[in-house]
Amino acid sequence: MNEVRLTDGVVPLAAFKTQASRFLRQAAETERPIVITLNGRAAGVLISPAVYEELRRDRDLFEMVAKGVESLDAGKFVEQEAVEAWLSTWGTDAEIPRPE
C-alpha cells in the first residue's frame, strides 16, 4: 500500500459532490486515498475497494497474531515436536490425535 501524503488528494466536500465519479476512478486507478474535507478539516477518506480489502486482511492478520501472543503469554501452546509428529502421521493408517 502506498504511503499517505495528506498534501496529495485533499478535496473539499463541494468538489467531491460535483465530481464524485472522477474521484472514485482516481482512487481506484492510483490506489491512493483521497481526503475529503468539510470546513477545511478532514471529514472522510475515500479508498479503492482493493485498498480496503488490503486493510481488512492486514487487520485480520494483526488480530490473529495478537490472539496467538495472548495464548502464548497464558501458557497455551503446543511444542513444535508434538505438532511435527502429528503432521507426519496425516493420511496414514497410524494417524495420531491432534496434540492439545
Protein backbone atom coordinates (compact mmCIF):
# COMPACT_ATOMS: atom_id res chain seq x y z
CA MET A 1 0.00 0.00 0.00
CA ASN A 2 1.25 3.48 -0.83
CA GLU A 3 2.30 5.97 1.84
CA VAL A 4 -0.33 8.60 2.61
CA ARG A 5 0.72 12.17 1.90
CA LEU A 6 -2.09 14.42 3.02
CA THR A 7 -0.97 17.18 0.66
CA ASP A 8 -2.00 14.92 -2.24
CA GLY A 9 -5.62 14.04 -2.81
CA VAL A 10 -7.23 16.55 -0.46
CA VAL A 11 -10.63 17.53 -1.82
CA PRO A 12 -13.29 19.84 -0.40
CA LEU A 13 -16.69 18.21 0.01
CA ALA A 14 -18.25 20.60 -2.52
CA ALA A 15 -15.77 19.49 -5.20
CA PHE A 16 -16.31 15.84 -4.30
CA LYS A 17 -20.08 16.22 -4.65
CA THR A 18 -19.80 17.62 -8.17
CA GLN A 19 -17.06 15.25 -9.36
CA ALA A 20 -17.63 12.06 -7.36
CA SER A 21 -17.19 9.68 -10.30
CA ARG A 22 -13.85 11.29 -11.19
CA PHE A 23 -12.58 10.86 -7.63
CA LEU A 24 -13.84 7.27 -7.47
CA ARG A 25 -11.90 6.46 -10.65
CA GLN A 26 -8.84 8.27 -9.32
CA ALA A 27 -8.89 6.29 -6.06
CA ALA A 28 -9.23 3.02 -7.98
CA GLU A 29 -6.51 3.83 -10.52
CA THR A 30 -3.92 5.24 -8.13
CA GLU A 31 -4.78 3.17 -5.05
CA ARG A 32 -4.11 6.34 -3.05
CA PRO A 33 -6.57 7.71 -0.51
CA ILE A 34 -8.49 10.90 -1.15
CA VAL A 35 -9.14 13.01 1.93
CA ILE A 36 -12.49 14.80 1.79
CA THR A 37 -12.64 17.97 3.84
CA LEU A 38 -15.54 19.83 5.40
CA ASN A 39 -14.93 23.38 6.56
CA GLY A 40 -11.19 22.89 5.99
CA ARG A 41 -10.89 19.77 8.15
CA ALA A 42 -10.63 16.12 7.18
CA ALA A 43 -14.12 14.63 7.30
CA GLY A 44 -13.61 11.36 5.47
CA VAL A 45 -11.25 9.29 3.38
CA LEU A 46 -12.10 7.64 0.08
CA ILE A 47 -10.16 4.48 -0.75
CA SER A 48 -10.47 1.91 -3.50
CA PRO A 49 -12.02 -1.50 -2.86
CA ALA A 50 -8.57 -3.08 -3.36
CA VAL A 51 -7.01 -0.89 -0.67
CA TYR A 52 -9.97 -1.54 1.63
CA GLU A 53 -9.54 -5.32 1.24
CA GLU A 54 -5.81 -5.00 1.92
CA LEU A 55 -6.53 -3.05 5.09
CA ARG A 56 -9.04 -5.68 6.20
CA ARG A 57 -6.55 -8.50 5.57
CA ASP A 58 -3.88 -6.62 7.50
CA ARG A 59 -6.28 -6.02 10.40
CA ASP A 60 -7.35 -9.67 10.45
CA LEU A 61 -3.72 -10.83 10.44
CA PHE A 62 -2.87 -8.42 13.26
CA GLU A 63 -5.80 -9.74 15.31
CA MET A 64 -4.70 -13.36 14.76
CA VAL A 65 -1.13 -12.56 15.80
CA ALA A 66 -2.36 -10.71 18.89
CA LYS A 67 -4.55 -13.69 19.82
CA GLY A 68 -1.58 -16.03 19.37
CA VAL A 69 0.64 -13.86 21.55
CA GLU A 70 -2.10 -13.75 24.19
CA SER A 71 -2.35 -17.56 24.16
CA LEU A 72 1.41 -17.89 24.37
CA ASP A 73 1.54 -15.48 27.32
CA ALA A 74 -1.15 -17.58 29.03
CA GLY A 75 0.93 -20.72 28.54
CA LYS A 76 -1.45 -22.18 25.96
CA PHE A 77 0.78 -23.63 23.28
CA VAL A 78 1.86 -26.94 21.78
CA GLU A 79 5.52 -27.90 21.40
CA GLN A 80 6.77 -27.95 17.81
CA GLU A 81 7.91 -31.56 18.09
CA ALA A 82 4.38 -32.67 19.03
CA VAL A 83 2.90 -30.82 16.05
CA GLU A 84 5.51 -32.27 13.67
CA ALA A 85 4.84 -35.79 14.96
CA TRP A 86 1.11 -35.29 14.46
CA LEU A 87 1.54 -33.88 10.95
CA SER A 88 3.84 -36.72 9.93
CA THR A 89 1.00 -39.19 10.54
CA TRP A 90 -1.61 -37.37 8.44
CA GLY A 91 -3.13 -39.58 5.78
CA THR A 92 -1.68 -42.77 7.23
CA ASP A 93 -3.38 -45.67 8.99
CA ALA A 94 -1.44 -44.70 12.12
CA GLU A 95 -2.70 -41.10 12.32
CA ILE A 96 -2.36 -39.79 15.87
CA PRO A 97 -4.75 -37.35 17.59
CA ARG A 98 -4.14 -33.61 17.43
CA PRO A 99 -1.88 -32.50 20.26
CA GLU A 100 -3.53 -30.43 22.99
